[in-house]
C-alpha atoms as a PDB file:
ATOM      1  CA  MET A   1       4.112-136.321 292.721  1.00  0.00           C
ATOM      2  CA  LYS A   2       2.090-138.021 295.467  1.00  0.00           C
ATOM      3  CA  LYS A   3       0.521-134.699 296.342  1.00  0.00           C
ATOM      4  CA  PHE A   4      -0.524-134.112 292.728  1.00  0.00           C
ATOM      5  CA  VAL A   5      -2.151-137.546 292.461  1.00  0.00           C
ATOM      6  CA  TRP A   6      -3.942-137.001 295.763  1.00  0.00           C
ATOM      7  CA  ILE A   7      -5.261-133.590 294.615  1.00  0.00           C
ATOM      8  CA  MET A   8      -6.484-135.092 291.328  1.00  0.00           C
ATOM      9  CA  MET A   9      -8.285-137.877 293.199  1.00  0.00           C
ATOM     10  CA  MET A  10      -9.977-135.341 295.470  1.00  0.00           C
ATOM     11  CA  LEU A  11     -11.094-133.270 292.492  1.00  0.00           C
ATOM     12  CA  ALA A  12     -12.492-136.354 290.761  1.00  0.00           C
ATOM     13  CA  MET A  13     -14.403-137.356 293.898  1.00  0.00           C
ATOM     14  CA  SER A  14     -15.845-133.857 294.316  1.00  0.00           C
ATOM     15  CA  TRP A  15     -16.998-133.839 290.682  1.00  0.00           C
ATOM     16  CA  THR A  16     -18.640-137.217 291.213  1.00  0.00           C
ATOM     17  CA  ALA A  17     -20.373-135.963 294.344  1.00  0.00           C
ATOM     18  CA  GLN A  18     -21.687-132.917 292.479  1.00  0.00           C
ATOM     19  CA  ALA A  19     -22.796-134.988 289.485  1.00  0.00           C
ATOM     20  CA  ASP A  20     -25.647-136.626 291.381  1.00  0.00           C
ATOM     21  CA  ASN A  21     -27.374-133.458 292.517  1.00  0.00           C
ATOM     22  CA  ASP A  22     -31.117-133.873 292.060  1.00  0.00           C
ATOM     23  CA  ARG A  23     -33.811-132.227 294.122  1.00  0.00           C
ATOM     24  CA  ALA A  24     -37.573-132.076 294.185  1.00  0.00           C
ATOM     25  CA  ILE A  25     -39.037-128.882 292.771  1.00  0.00           C
ATOM     26  CA  ALA A  26     -42.432-127.253 292.531  1.00  0.00           C
ATOM     27  CA  TYR A  27     -44.375-127.274 289.260  1.00  0.00           C
ATOM     28  CA  ASN A  28     -43.764-123.550 288.726  1.00  0.00           C
ATOM     29  CA  GLU A  29     -39.987-124.162 288.721  1.00  0.00           C
ATOM     30  CA  LEU A  30     -40.224-126.196 285.513  1.00  0.00           C
ATOM     31  CA  PRO A  31     -39.281-124.445 282.259  1.00  0.00           C
ATOM     32  CA  GLU A  32     -42.224-122.845 280.437  1.00  0.00           C
ATOM     33  CA  LYS A  33     -41.990-125.285 277.505  1.00  0.00           C
ATOM     34  CA  ALA A  34     -42.244-128.215 279.911  1.00  0.00           C
ATOM     35  CA  LYS A  35     -45.315-126.730 281.607  1.00  0.00           C
ATOM     36  CA  THR A  36     -46.946-126.119 278.215  1.00  0.00           C
ATOM     37  CA  PHE A  37     -46.173-129.698 277.136  1.00  0.00           C
ATOM     38  CA  LEU A  38     -47.721-131.108 280.313  1.00  0.00           C
ATOM     39  CA  ALA A  39     -50.808-128.888 280.020  1.00  0.00           C
ATOM     40  CA  THR A  40     -51.266-129.866 276.366  1.00  0.00           C
ATOM     41  CA  HIS A  41     -50.672-133.619 276.500  1.00  0.00           C
ATOM     42  CA  PHE A  42     -51.276-134.616 280.124  1.00  0.00           C
ATOM     43  CA  ALA A  43     -53.803-132.053 281.387  1.00  0.00           C
ATOM     44  CA  GLU A  44     -55.923-134.711 283.080  1.00  0.00           C
ATOM     45  CA  ARG A  45     -52.998-136.077 285.119  1.00  0.00           C
ATOM     46  CA  ASN A  46     -51.754-134.739 288.441  1.00  0.00           C
ATOM     47  CA  ILE A  47     -48.058-134.445 289.128  1.00  0.00           C
ATOM     48  CA  SER A  48     -46.715-136.879 291.684  1.00  0.00           C
ATOM     49  CA  LEU A  49     -43.133-135.576 291.685  1.00  0.00           C
ATOM     50  CA  ALA A  50     -41.062-133.080 289.739  1.00  0.00           C
ATOM     51  CA  LYS A  51     -37.333-132.906 290.139  1.00  0.00           C
ATOM     52  CA  LYS A  52     -34.381-131.042 288.753  1.00  0.00           C
ATOM     53  CA  ASP A  53     -31.401-133.265 288.082  1.00  0.00           C
ATOM     54  CA  ARG A  54     -28.026-131.635 287.735  1.00  0.00           C
ATOM     55  CA  ASP A  55     -25.295-133.826 286.265  1.00  0.00           C
ATOM     56  CA  LEU A  56     -21.716-132.708 285.779  1.00  0.00           C
ATOM     57  CA  PHE A  57     -22.371-130.761 282.562  1.00  0.00           C
ATOM     58  CA  GLU A  58     -26.122-131.082 282.089  1.00  0.00           C
ATOM     59  CA  VAL A  59     -29.351-130.066 283.755  1.00  0.00           C
ATOM     60  CA  HIS A  60     -32.598-131.862 283.061  1.00  0.00           C
ATOM     61  CA  TYR A  61     -35.997-132.251 284.651  1.00  0.00           C
ATOM     62  CA  GLU A  62     -38.054-135.336 285.403  1.00  0.00           C
ATOM     63  CA  VAL A  63     -41.776-135.346 286.070  1.00  0.00           C
ATOM     64  CA  LEU A  64     -43.701-138.337 287.408  1.00  0.00           C
ATOM     65  CA  LEU A  65     -47.460-138.260 286.960  1.00  0.00           C
ATOM     66  CA  MET A  66     -50.091-140.007 289.058  1.00  0.00           C
ATOM     67  CA  GLY A  67     -51.012-142.322 286.169  1.00  0.00           C
ATOM     68  CA  GLY A  68     -47.511-143.824 286.083  1.00  0.00           C
ATOM     69  CA  GLU A  69     -46.174-141.632 283.271  1.00  0.00           C
ATOM     70  CA  LYS A  70     -42.618-140.325 283.416  1.00  0.00           C
ATOM     71  CA  ILE A  71     -41.451-137.425 281.281  1.00  0.00           C
ATOM     72  CA  GLU A  72     -37.884-136.200 281.058  1.00  0.00           C
ATOM     73  CA  PHE A  73     -37.152-132.681 279.803  1.00  0.00           C
ATOM     74  CA  THR A  74     -33.977-130.893 278.762  1.00  0.00           C
ATOM     75  CA  ARG A  75     -32.894-127.771 280.613  1.00  0.00           C
ATOM     76  CA  MET A  76     -34.791-125.724 278.011  1.00  0.00           C
ATOM     77  CA  GLY A  77     -38.021-127.674 278.592  1.00  0.00           C
ATOM     78  CA  GLU A  78     -38.012-129.795 275.420  1.00  0.00           C
ATOM     79  CA  TRP A  79     -39.221-133.342 276.027  1.00  0.00           C
ATOM     80  CA  LYS A  80     -36.460-135.904 275.880  1.00  0.00           C
ATOM     81  CA  GLU A  81     -38.281-139.077 276.915  1.00  0.00           C
ATOM     82  CA  VAL A  82     -41.896-140.008 277.590  1.00  0.00           C
ATOM     83  CA  SER A  83     -42.658-143.323 279.238  1.00  0.00           C
ATOM     84  CA  CYS A  84     -46.199-144.514 279.958  1.00  0.00           C
ATOM     85  CA  ARG A  85     -46.477-147.524 282.222  1.00  0.00           C
ATOM     86  CA  TYR A  86     -50.237-148.128 282.104  1.00  0.00           C
ATOM     87  CA  ALA A  87     -51.304-146.125 279.052  1.00  0.00           C
ATOM     88  CA  SER A  88     -49.959-145.184 275.653  1.00  0.00           C
ATOM     89  CA  VAL A  89     -47.909-142.166 274.676  1.00  0.00           C
ATOM     90  CA  PRO A  90     -50.071-139.389 273.196  1.00  0.00           C
ATOM     91  CA  MET A  91     -49.711-139.763 269.432  1.00  0.00           C
ATOM     92  CA  ALA A  92     -49.594-135.993 269.016  1.00  0.00           C
ATOM     93  CA  ILE A  93     -45.998-135.985 270.293  1.00  0.00           C
ATOM     94  CA  VAL A  94     -44.891-138.706 267.877  1.00  0.00           C
ATOM     95  CA  PRO A  95     -43.499-137.107 264.688  1.00  0.00           C
ATOM     96  CA  GLU A  96     -45.760-137.500 261.636  1.00  0.00           C
ATOM     97  CA  PRO A  97     -43.426-139.774 259.592  1.00  0.00           C
ATOM     98  CA  ILE A  98     -43.136-142.149 262.560  1.00  0.00           C
ATOM     99  CA  ARG A  99     -46.919-142.120 263.108  1.00  0.00           C
ATOM    100  CA  HIS A 100     -47.379-142.946 259.441  1.00  0.00           C
ATOM    101  CA  TYR A 101     -44.877-145.826 259.641  1.00  0.00           C
ATOM    102  CA  LEU A 102     -46.538-147.214 262.771  1.00  0.00           C
ATOM    103  CA  ALA A 103     -50.014-146.995 261.228  1.00  0.00           C
ATOM    104  CA  GLN A 104     -48.829-148.966 258.196  1.00  0.00           C
ATOM    105  CA  HIS A 105     -46.611-151.572 259.860  1.00  0.00           C
ATOM    106  CA  HIS A 106     -47.848-151.868 263.463  1.00  0.00           C
ATOM    107  CA  PRO A 107     -51.496-150.743 263.486  1.00  0.00           C
ATOM    108  CA  ASN A 108     -52.460-152.893 266.483  1.00  0.00           C
ATOM    109  CA  HIS A 109     -49.655-151.775 268.778  1.00  0.00           C
ATOM    110  CA  ALA A 110     -49.534-148.787 271.101  1.00  0.00           C
ATOM    111  CA  VAL A 111     -46.476-146.668 271.780  1.00  0.00           C
ATOM    112  CA  THR A 112     -45.492-147.085 275.437  1.00  0.00           C
ATOM    113  CA  GLU A 113     -42.247-145.108 275.325  1.00  0.00           C
ATOM    114  CA  ILE A 114     -40.564-142.624 273.032  1.00  0.00           C
ATOM    115  CA  SER A 115     -37.215-140.928 273.412  1.00  0.00           C
ATOM    116  CA  ARG A 116     -35.260-138.571 271.250  1.00  0.00           C
ATOM    117  CA  GLU A 117     -31.636-137.731 271.118  1.00  0.00           C
ATOM    118  CA  HIS A 118     -29.540-135.663 268.768  1.00  0.00           C
ATOM    119  CA  ARG A 119     -30.342-137.340 265.496  1.00  0.00           C
ATOM    120  CA  ARG A 120     -32.679-140.198 266.318  1.00  0.00           C
ATOM    121  CA  TYR A 121     -35.867-141.403 267.956  1.00  0.00           C
ATOM    122  CA  GLU A 122     -36.469-144.651 269.786  1.00  0.00           C
ATOM    123  CA  VAL A 123     -40.023-145.946 270.054  1.00  0.00           C
ATOM    124  CA  GLN A 124     -41.085-148.870 272.210  1.00  0.00           C
ATOM    125  CA  LEU A 125     -44.339-150.638 271.426  1.00  0.00           C
ATOM    126  CA  ASN A 126     -46.568-152.487 273.881  1.00  0.00           C
ATOM    127  CA  GLY A 127     -45.434-155.844 272.496  1.00  0.00           C
ATOM    128  CA  GLY A 128     -41.857-155.108 273.585  1.00  0.00           C
ATOM    129  CA  LEU A 129     -40.585-154.229 270.120  1.00  0.00           C
ATOM    130  CA  GLU A 130     -38.230-151.233 270.070  1.00  0.00           C
ATOM    131  CA  LEU A 131     -37.878-149.303 266.810  1.00  0.00           C
ATOM    132  CA  ARG A 132     -35.186-146.769 265.941  1.00  0.00           C
ATOM    133  CA  PHE A 133     -35.762-143.872 263.555  1.00  0.00           C
ATOM    134  CA  ASP A 134     -33.489-141.167 262.185  1.00  0.00           C
ATOM    135  CA  ALA A 135     -34.199-137.446 262.618  1.00  0.00           C
ATOM    136  CA  GLU A 136     -36.419-137.441 259.508  1.00  0.00           C
ATOM    137  CA  GLY A 137     -38.545-140.309 260.830  1.00  0.00           C
ATOM    138  CA  ARG A 138     -37.142-143.095 258.651  1.00  0.00           C
ATOM    139  CA  MET A 139     -36.883-146.485 260.363  1.00  0.00           C
ATOM    140  CA  VAL A 140     -33.253-147.506 260.727  1.00  0.00           C
ATOM    141  CA  GLY A 141     -33.349-150.504 263.063  1.00  0.00           C
ATOM    142  CA  TRP A 142     -35.130-152.446 265.763  1.00  0.00           C
ATOM    143  CA  ASP A 143     -34.634-154.623 268.840  1.00  0.00           C
ATOM    144  CA  ASP A 144     -37.087-157.250 269.943  1.00  0.00           C
END
């Protein structure tokens, strides 16, 4: 029994060690969709760092731009999170229903961060307000 527990602990530790496996990569190693996204929405920015992050069951990419922007992509190159430290998120990546809501309810605020997960979006405004939307772009909650 002791041997079994010891083997299980070793396996768990090796999985943990493999879970934090990120490495810097060249721009051309990014998925095509990610490169297209960067060329479309951040063409004027130079890349400071690109890295491939391999978790236990997931691979994703992170790109840091010289202007302080950070973009996270899925393994297929779809954007997952866009964070702009000194600027605003390009409104072209914000879904139309969310843009419409923001124009009506928060016209004087800029989007500084947007993230999307399975069935929702989270949008952070420059005043610190964080809004949550469902997959169709309907506002479902907020944090201030």
